[in-house]
N, C-alpha and C. Protein backbone atom coordinates (compact mmCIF):
# COMPACT_ATOMS: atom_id res chain seq x y z
N MET A 1 63.98 75.59 74.64
CA MET A 1 63.94 74.16 74.45
C MET A 1 62.50 73.74 74.16
N SER A 2 62.32 72.93 73.13
CA SER A 2 60.95 72.55 72.79
C SER A 2 60.48 71.40 73.67
N VAL A 3 59.16 71.35 73.84
CA VAL A 3 58.53 70.32 74.66
C VAL A 3 57.68 69.47 73.72
N ARG A 4 57.76 68.16 73.89
CA ARG A 4 56.99 67.24 73.05
C ARG A 4 55.73 66.84 73.80
N ILE A 5 54.59 66.96 73.12
CA ILE A 5 53.28 66.68 73.69
C ILE A 5 52.62 65.54 72.91
N TYR A 6 52.08 64.57 73.65
CA TYR A 6 51.33 63.46 73.06
C TYR A 6 49.88 63.90 72.91
N ILE A 7 49.31 63.69 71.73
CA ILE A 7 47.89 63.98 71.49
C ILE A 7 47.27 62.68 70.98
N GLY A 8 46.38 62.11 71.79
CA GLY A 8 45.80 60.82 71.45
C GLY A 8 44.30 60.84 71.41
N ASN A 9 43.73 59.68 71.09
CA ASN A 9 42.30 59.47 70.94
C ASN A 9 41.74 60.32 69.81
N LEU A 10 42.52 60.40 68.73
CA LEU A 10 42.07 61.14 67.55
C LEU A 10 41.11 60.27 66.74
N PRO A 11 40.10 60.86 66.12
CA PRO A 11 39.18 60.08 65.28
C PRO A 11 39.92 59.47 64.09
N GLN A 12 39.40 58.39 63.56
CA GLN A 12 40.06 57.70 62.45
C GLN A 12 40.24 58.58 61.21
N ASN A 13 39.22 59.32 60.86
CA ASN A 13 39.27 60.10 59.63
C ASN A 13 39.22 61.60 59.91
N PHE A 14 40.12 62.09 60.73
CA PHE A 14 40.14 63.51 61.03
C PHE A 14 41.03 64.24 60.02
N GLU A 15 40.78 65.51 59.88
CA GLU A 15 41.60 66.35 59.01
C GLU A 15 42.68 67.01 59.86
N THR A 16 43.92 66.92 59.42
CA THR A 16 45.03 67.51 60.15
C THR A 16 44.85 69.02 60.25
N LYS A 17 44.24 69.62 59.23
CA LYS A 17 44.02 71.07 59.23
C LYS A 17 43.07 71.48 60.34
N GLU A 18 42.06 70.64 60.62
CA GLU A 18 41.12 70.94 61.71
C GLU A 18 41.84 70.97 63.05
N LEU A 19 42.69 69.96 63.27
CA LEU A 19 43.43 69.91 64.52
C LEU A 19 44.44 71.06 64.59
N ALA A 20 45.06 71.39 63.46
CA ALA A 20 46.00 72.51 63.44
C ALA A 20 45.30 73.80 63.83
N ALA A 21 44.05 73.98 63.40
CA ALA A 21 43.28 75.18 63.77
C ALA A 21 43.03 75.20 65.28
N GLN A 22 42.73 74.04 65.86
CA GLN A 22 42.54 73.95 67.31
C GLN A 22 43.83 74.32 68.04
N LEU A 23 44.94 73.84 67.53
CA LEU A 23 46.23 74.11 68.17
C LEU A 23 46.61 75.59 68.04
N GLU A 24 46.33 76.17 66.89
CA GLU A 24 46.64 77.59 66.68
C GLU A 24 45.80 78.47 67.60
N ALA A 25 44.58 78.01 67.92
CA ALA A 25 43.73 78.78 68.83
C ALA A 25 44.34 78.84 70.23
N VAL A 26 45.10 77.82 70.59
CA VAL A 26 45.74 77.78 71.91
C VAL A 26 46.98 78.66 71.92
N GLY A 27 47.79 78.57 70.88
CA GLY A 27 49.01 79.37 70.82
C GLY A 27 49.73 79.18 69.50
N GLU A 28 50.67 80.05 69.23
CA GLU A 28 51.42 79.96 67.97
C GLU A 28 52.67 79.11 68.16
N GLY A 29 53.21 78.64 67.05
CA GLY A 29 54.44 77.87 67.10
C GLY A 29 54.27 76.43 67.51
N ILE A 30 53.05 75.90 67.42
CA ILE A 30 52.80 74.51 67.77
C ILE A 30 52.79 73.70 66.47
N ARG A 31 53.68 72.73 66.37
CA ARG A 31 53.78 71.89 65.19
C ARG A 31 53.30 70.49 65.54
N PHE A 32 52.34 69.96 64.76
CA PHE A 32 51.76 68.65 65.03
C PHE A 32 52.09 67.70 63.90
N LYS A 33 52.44 66.46 64.27
CA LYS A 33 52.69 65.42 63.28
C LYS A 33 51.96 64.15 63.70
N PRO A 34 50.98 63.70 62.91
CA PRO A 34 50.27 62.46 63.26
C PRO A 34 51.16 61.25 62.98
N VAL A 35 50.94 60.16 63.73
CA VAL A 35 51.66 58.91 63.50
C VAL A 35 50.82 58.09 62.55
N MET A 36 51.42 57.72 61.42
CA MET A 36 50.69 57.03 60.36
C MET A 36 51.02 55.54 60.35
N ASP A 37 50.03 54.74 59.97
CA ASP A 37 50.22 53.30 59.83
C ASP A 37 51.04 53.05 58.56
N ARG A 38 52.05 52.20 58.66
CA ARG A 38 52.93 51.94 57.52
C ARG A 38 52.20 51.25 56.37
N GLU A 39 51.28 50.37 56.70
CA GLU A 39 50.62 49.58 55.68
C GLU A 39 49.47 50.32 55.01
N THR A 40 48.61 50.96 55.82
CA THR A 40 47.42 51.59 55.26
C THR A 40 47.61 53.07 54.95
N GLY A 41 48.57 53.72 55.61
CA GLY A 41 48.78 55.14 55.40
C GLY A 41 47.81 56.01 56.18
N ALA A 42 46.93 55.39 56.98
CA ALA A 42 45.96 56.14 57.78
C ALA A 42 46.57 56.48 59.14
N CYS A 43 46.03 57.50 59.78
CA CYS A 43 46.51 57.90 61.10
C CYS A 43 46.18 56.78 62.10
N ARG A 44 47.11 56.52 63.01
CA ARG A 44 46.92 55.47 64.01
C ARG A 44 46.15 55.95 65.22
N GLY A 45 45.66 57.19 65.21
CA GLY A 45 44.83 57.68 66.31
C GLY A 45 45.58 58.54 67.30
N PHE A 46 46.84 58.83 67.01
CA PHE A 46 47.60 59.70 67.89
C PHE A 46 48.72 60.38 67.10
N GLY A 47 49.33 61.35 67.75
CA GLY A 47 50.44 62.06 67.14
C GLY A 47 51.16 62.86 68.20
N PHE A 48 52.12 63.65 67.76
CA PHE A 48 52.93 64.43 68.69
C PHE A 48 53.00 65.87 68.22
N ALA A 49 52.94 66.77 69.19
CA ALA A 49 53.06 68.19 68.91
C ALA A 49 54.33 68.69 69.58
N ASN A 50 55.04 69.57 68.91
CA ASN A 50 56.20 70.22 69.50
C ASN A 50 55.82 71.64 69.83
N VAL A 51 56.08 72.03 71.07
CA VAL A 51 55.74 73.34 71.58
C VAL A 51 57.04 74.02 71.98
N GLU A 52 57.10 75.32 71.80
CA GLU A 52 58.36 76.04 72.00
C GLU A 52 58.81 76.14 73.45
N ASN A 53 57.89 76.24 74.41
CA ASN A 53 58.32 76.41 75.80
C ASN A 53 57.36 75.74 76.77
N GLU A 54 57.74 75.70 78.04
CA GLU A 54 56.97 75.03 79.09
C GLU A 54 55.60 75.67 79.29
N LYS A 55 55.54 77.01 79.24
CA LYS A 55 54.26 77.70 79.44
C LYS A 55 53.25 77.31 78.38
N SER A 56 53.70 77.31 77.13
CA SER A 56 52.81 76.95 76.02
C SER A 56 52.36 75.49 76.15
N ALA A 57 53.28 74.63 76.60
CA ALA A 57 52.94 73.22 76.77
C ALA A 57 51.87 73.05 77.84
N ALA A 58 52.05 73.71 78.97
CA ALA A 58 51.06 73.62 80.05
C ALA A 58 49.71 74.16 79.61
N LYS A 59 49.71 75.25 78.86
CA LYS A 59 48.47 75.83 78.36
C LYS A 59 47.77 74.88 77.39
N LEU A 60 48.55 74.28 76.50
CA LEU A 60 48.00 73.35 75.52
C LEU A 60 47.35 72.15 76.22
N ILE A 61 48.04 71.59 77.20
CA ILE A 61 47.50 70.44 77.94
C ILE A 61 46.23 70.82 78.68
N GLU A 62 46.27 71.97 79.32
CA GLU A 62 45.12 72.42 80.11
C GLU A 62 43.89 72.66 79.25
N GLU A 63 44.09 73.26 78.09
CA GLU A 63 42.94 73.63 77.25
C GLU A 63 42.40 72.50 76.38
N LEU A 64 43.26 71.57 75.96
CA LEU A 64 42.79 70.54 75.02
C LEU A 64 42.57 69.16 75.64
N ASN A 65 43.15 68.87 76.80
CA ASN A 65 42.96 67.55 77.39
C ASN A 65 41.49 67.36 77.79
N GLY A 66 40.87 66.32 77.23
CA GLY A 66 39.46 66.04 77.52
C GLY A 66 38.49 66.80 76.64
N LYS A 67 38.99 67.67 75.77
CA LYS A 67 38.12 68.46 74.89
C LYS A 67 37.58 67.57 73.76
N ASP A 68 36.32 67.79 73.40
CA ASP A 68 35.69 67.02 72.33
C ASP A 68 36.26 67.45 70.98
N PHE A 69 36.66 66.48 70.17
CA PHE A 69 37.17 66.74 68.82
C PHE A 69 36.58 65.69 67.89
N ASN A 70 35.63 66.10 67.07
CA ASN A 70 34.94 65.21 66.13
C ASN A 70 34.37 63.96 66.80
N GLY A 71 33.80 64.13 67.99
CA GLY A 71 33.16 63.03 68.69
C GLY A 71 34.06 62.26 69.64
N ASN A 72 35.32 62.57 69.69
CA ASN A 72 36.24 61.90 70.61
C ASN A 72 36.81 62.91 71.60
N LYS A 73 37.00 62.47 72.83
CA LYS A 73 37.64 63.34 73.83
C LYS A 73 39.14 63.18 73.70
N LEU A 74 39.82 64.27 73.40
CA LEU A 74 41.27 64.22 73.20
C LEU A 74 42.00 63.88 74.50
N ARG A 75 43.10 63.18 74.35
CA ARG A 75 43.99 62.91 75.47
C ARG A 75 45.30 63.65 75.16
N VAL A 76 45.57 64.68 75.94
CA VAL A 76 46.74 65.52 75.70
C VAL A 76 47.60 65.51 76.96
N GLU A 77 48.87 65.10 76.81
CA GLU A 77 49.78 65.05 77.95
C GLU A 77 51.22 65.13 77.47
N ARG A 78 52.12 65.38 78.39
CA ARG A 78 53.55 65.41 78.05
C ARG A 78 53.96 64.04 77.54
N SER A 79 54.76 64.04 76.51
CA SER A 79 55.25 62.79 75.96
C SER A 79 56.35 62.26 76.84
N GLU A 80 56.31 60.95 77.09
CA GLU A 80 57.36 60.32 77.88
C GLU A 80 58.57 60.13 76.99
N LYS A 81 59.73 60.27 77.57
CA LYS A 81 60.97 60.13 76.82
C LYS A 81 61.13 58.68 76.41
N ARG A 82 61.35 58.46 75.13
CA ARG A 82 61.50 57.10 74.62
C ARG A 82 62.92 56.63 74.88
N GLU A 83 63.05 55.37 75.32
CA GLU A 83 64.37 54.81 75.55
C GLU A 83 65.07 54.67 74.21
N SER A 84 66.36 54.87 74.20
CA SER A 84 67.11 54.81 72.94
C SER A 84 67.50 53.38 72.64
N ASN A 85 66.49 52.55 72.41
CA ASN A 85 66.76 51.15 72.08
C ASN A 85 66.53 50.87 70.60
N GLY A 86 66.45 51.91 69.80
CA GLY A 86 66.27 51.70 68.38
C GLY A 86 64.83 51.50 67.98
N GLY A 87 63.91 51.64 68.90
CA GLY A 87 62.49 51.48 68.57
C GLY A 87 62.12 50.03 68.44
N GLY A 88 60.88 49.78 68.05
CA GLY A 88 60.42 48.41 67.85
C GLY A 88 60.91 47.90 66.52
N SER A 89 61.71 46.88 66.52
CA SER A 89 62.29 46.40 65.27
C SER A 89 61.52 45.20 64.76
N LYS A 90 60.37 45.44 64.16
CA LYS A 90 59.57 44.37 63.58
C LYS A 90 60.14 43.95 62.23
N ARG A 91 60.97 44.78 61.66
CA ARG A 91 61.49 44.51 60.33
C ARG A 91 62.62 43.49 60.33
N GLY A 92 63.10 43.15 61.49
CA GLY A 92 64.13 42.12 61.55
C GLY A 92 65.52 42.71 61.56
N GLY A 93 66.08 42.97 60.41
CA GLY A 93 67.44 43.51 60.35
C GLY A 93 68.43 42.37 60.28
N ASN A 94 69.71 42.69 60.56
CA ASN A 94 70.74 41.68 60.42
C ASN A 94 70.95 40.87 61.68
N GLY A 95 70.26 41.18 62.76
CA GLY A 95 70.35 40.38 63.97
C GLY A 95 71.43 40.85 64.92
N ASN A 96 72.45 41.52 64.41
CA ASN A 96 73.54 41.98 65.28
C ASN A 96 73.07 43.02 66.27
N ASN A 97 72.16 43.86 65.83
CA ASN A 97 71.67 44.94 66.69
C ASN A 97 70.94 44.40 67.90
N SER A 98 70.11 43.37 67.71
CA SER A 98 69.35 42.83 68.83
C SER A 98 70.27 42.16 69.85
N ASN A 99 71.33 41.50 69.39
CA ASN A 99 72.27 40.89 70.32
C ASN A 99 72.99 41.93 71.14
N GLN A 100 73.34 43.03 70.49
CA GLN A 100 74.02 44.11 71.20
C GLN A 100 73.09 44.72 72.24
N GLN A 101 71.82 44.90 71.88
CA GLN A 101 70.85 45.47 72.82
C GLN A 101 70.70 44.57 74.04
N ASN A 102 70.61 43.25 73.82
CA ASN A 102 70.44 42.33 74.93
C ASN A 102 71.65 42.33 75.85
N SER A 103 72.85 42.47 75.30
CA SER A 103 74.04 42.47 76.14
C SER A 103 74.16 43.75 76.95
N ASN A 104 73.55 44.84 76.48
CA ASN A 104 73.60 46.10 77.20
C ASN A 104 72.56 46.19 78.31
N ARG A 105 71.60 45.31 78.30
CA ARG A 105 70.54 45.35 79.30
C ARG A 105 71.07 44.90 80.66
N LYS A 106 70.50 45.46 81.68
CA LYS A 106 70.87 45.09 83.04
C LYS A 106 70.30 43.70 83.33
N GLU A 107 71.14 42.86 83.87
CA GLU A 107 70.70 41.51 84.21
C GLU A 107 69.76 41.57 85.41
N THR A 108 68.62 40.96 85.28
CA THR A 108 67.66 40.91 86.37
C THR A 108 67.20 39.48 86.56
N LYS A 109 66.94 39.13 87.79
CA LYS A 109 66.41 37.81 88.08
C LYS A 109 64.90 37.88 88.04
N LYS A 110 64.32 37.02 87.25
CA LYS A 110 62.87 37.02 87.11
C LYS A 110 62.29 35.87 87.92
N PHE A 111 61.27 36.18 88.68
CA PHE A 111 60.58 35.18 89.47
C PHE A 111 59.20 34.95 88.88
N VAL A 112 58.86 33.71 88.66
CA VAL A 112 57.54 33.38 88.15
C VAL A 112 56.76 32.77 89.31
N HIS A 113 55.65 33.38 89.64
CA HIS A 113 54.83 32.90 90.74
C HIS A 113 53.67 32.10 90.14
N SER A 114 53.51 30.91 90.68
CA SER A 114 52.46 30.05 90.15
C SER A 114 51.95 29.14 91.25
N ASP A 115 50.70 28.81 91.16
CA ASP A 115 50.11 27.86 92.10
C ASP A 115 50.24 26.43 91.59
N ALA A 116 50.80 26.27 90.40
CA ALA A 116 50.94 24.95 89.82
C ALA A 116 51.98 24.15 90.61
N PRO A 117 51.81 22.83 90.67
CA PRO A 117 52.79 22.01 91.40
C PRO A 117 54.13 22.04 90.69
N ALA A 118 55.17 21.71 91.41
CA ALA A 118 56.51 21.66 90.84
C ALA A 118 56.53 20.64 89.71
N PRO A 119 57.35 20.85 88.68
CA PRO A 119 57.35 19.94 87.52
C PRO A 119 57.71 18.50 87.87
N GLU A 120 58.52 18.27 88.90
CA GLU A 120 58.90 16.90 89.22
C GLU A 120 57.79 16.14 89.95
N ALA A 121 56.85 16.85 90.55
CA ALA A 121 55.76 16.18 91.26
C ALA A 121 54.63 15.88 90.28
N PRO A 122 54.08 14.65 90.31
CA PRO A 122 52.97 14.33 89.41
C PRO A 122 51.71 15.09 89.82
N ASP A 123 50.87 15.34 88.85
CA ASP A 123 49.61 16.01 89.10
C ASP A 123 48.74 15.10 89.94
N PRO A 124 48.27 15.55 91.12
CA PRO A 124 47.49 14.67 92.00
C PRO A 124 46.20 14.18 91.37
N ARG A 125 45.67 14.90 90.39
CA ARG A 125 44.43 14.46 89.75
C ARG A 125 44.64 13.19 88.93
N TRP A 126 45.89 12.95 88.50
CA TRP A 126 46.18 11.80 87.65
C TRP A 126 47.01 10.73 88.37
N ALA A 127 47.15 10.85 89.67
CA ALA A 127 48.01 9.92 90.41
C ALA A 127 47.54 8.47 90.26
N GLY A 128 46.25 8.24 90.33
CA GLY A 128 45.71 6.88 90.18
C GLY A 128 46.00 6.31 88.81
N GLU A 129 45.77 7.10 87.78
CA GLU A 129 46.02 6.66 86.40
C GLU A 129 47.51 6.42 86.18
N LEU A 130 48.33 7.27 86.78
CA LEU A 130 49.78 7.15 86.62
C LEU A 130 50.29 5.84 87.24
N SER A 131 49.77 5.49 88.41
CA SER A 131 50.22 4.23 89.05
C SER A 131 49.80 3.02 88.21
N LYS A 132 48.60 3.06 87.61
CA LYS A 132 48.15 1.95 86.75
C LYS A 132 49.06 1.82 85.53
N LEU A 133 49.45 2.96 84.94
CA LEU A 133 50.33 2.94 83.78
C LEU A 133 51.69 2.36 84.14
N LYS A 134 52.20 2.74 85.30
CA LYS A 134 53.50 2.21 85.74
C LYS A 134 53.43 0.70 85.90
N GLU A 135 52.34 0.20 86.43
CA GLU A 135 52.17 -1.25 86.60
C GLU A 135 52.14 -1.95 85.25
N LEU A 136 51.40 -1.38 84.28
CA LEU A 136 51.33 -1.97 82.94
C LEU A 136 52.71 -2.02 82.30
N LEU A 137 53.47 -0.93 82.43
CA LEU A 137 54.81 -0.90 81.85
C LEU A 137 55.73 -1.92 82.52
N ALA A 138 55.62 -2.04 83.82
CA ALA A 138 56.46 -3.00 84.54
C ALA A 138 56.14 -4.42 84.11
N ASN A 139 54.84 -4.71 83.91
CA ASN A 139 54.43 -6.05 83.47
C ASN A 139 54.92 -6.35 82.07
N GLN A 140 54.95 -5.37 81.20
CA GLN A 140 55.41 -5.57 79.82
C GLN A 140 56.90 -5.88 79.80
N LYS A 141 57.67 -5.23 80.65
CA LYS A 141 59.13 -5.46 80.65
C LYS A 141 59.46 -6.86 81.14
N THR A 142 58.71 -7.36 82.11
CA THR A 142 59.00 -8.69 82.65
C THR A 142 58.54 -9.78 81.69
N ALA A 143 57.54 -9.52 80.87
CA ALA A 143 57.02 -10.52 79.95
C ALA A 143 57.97 -10.75 78.78
N VAL A 144 58.75 -9.79 78.42
CA VAL A 144 59.61 -9.91 77.24
C VAL A 144 60.85 -10.65 77.50
């Protein structure tokens, strides 16, 4: 079973062949794919490597994590399993997919903690001004 490894903090203009040489020095059968920006086509500074087994993965992490690569210290760790939510859908789509995703989510109660006064209570800093305004409005209604 292959193991997926995250390799981050890559320099902006690195050569994939240079990194492949570093990976080959650690072990054989390591395949690396950088994550590219859709708009510019440049590497986004990270990528993923597939390693054939657990031993090779542990060795790769041990030898390359924190190692200097073209002026940057690499960050190498096991990739976290991505939730199967279809990824980030910035492209929009037909809208049906997002509704389905929301209905599948577990309902949770969210609590918002704030030091702000309750909405029905007037702000004490403006209490004096508020009472003057109320008086003006009351006087206008009786005059008409």
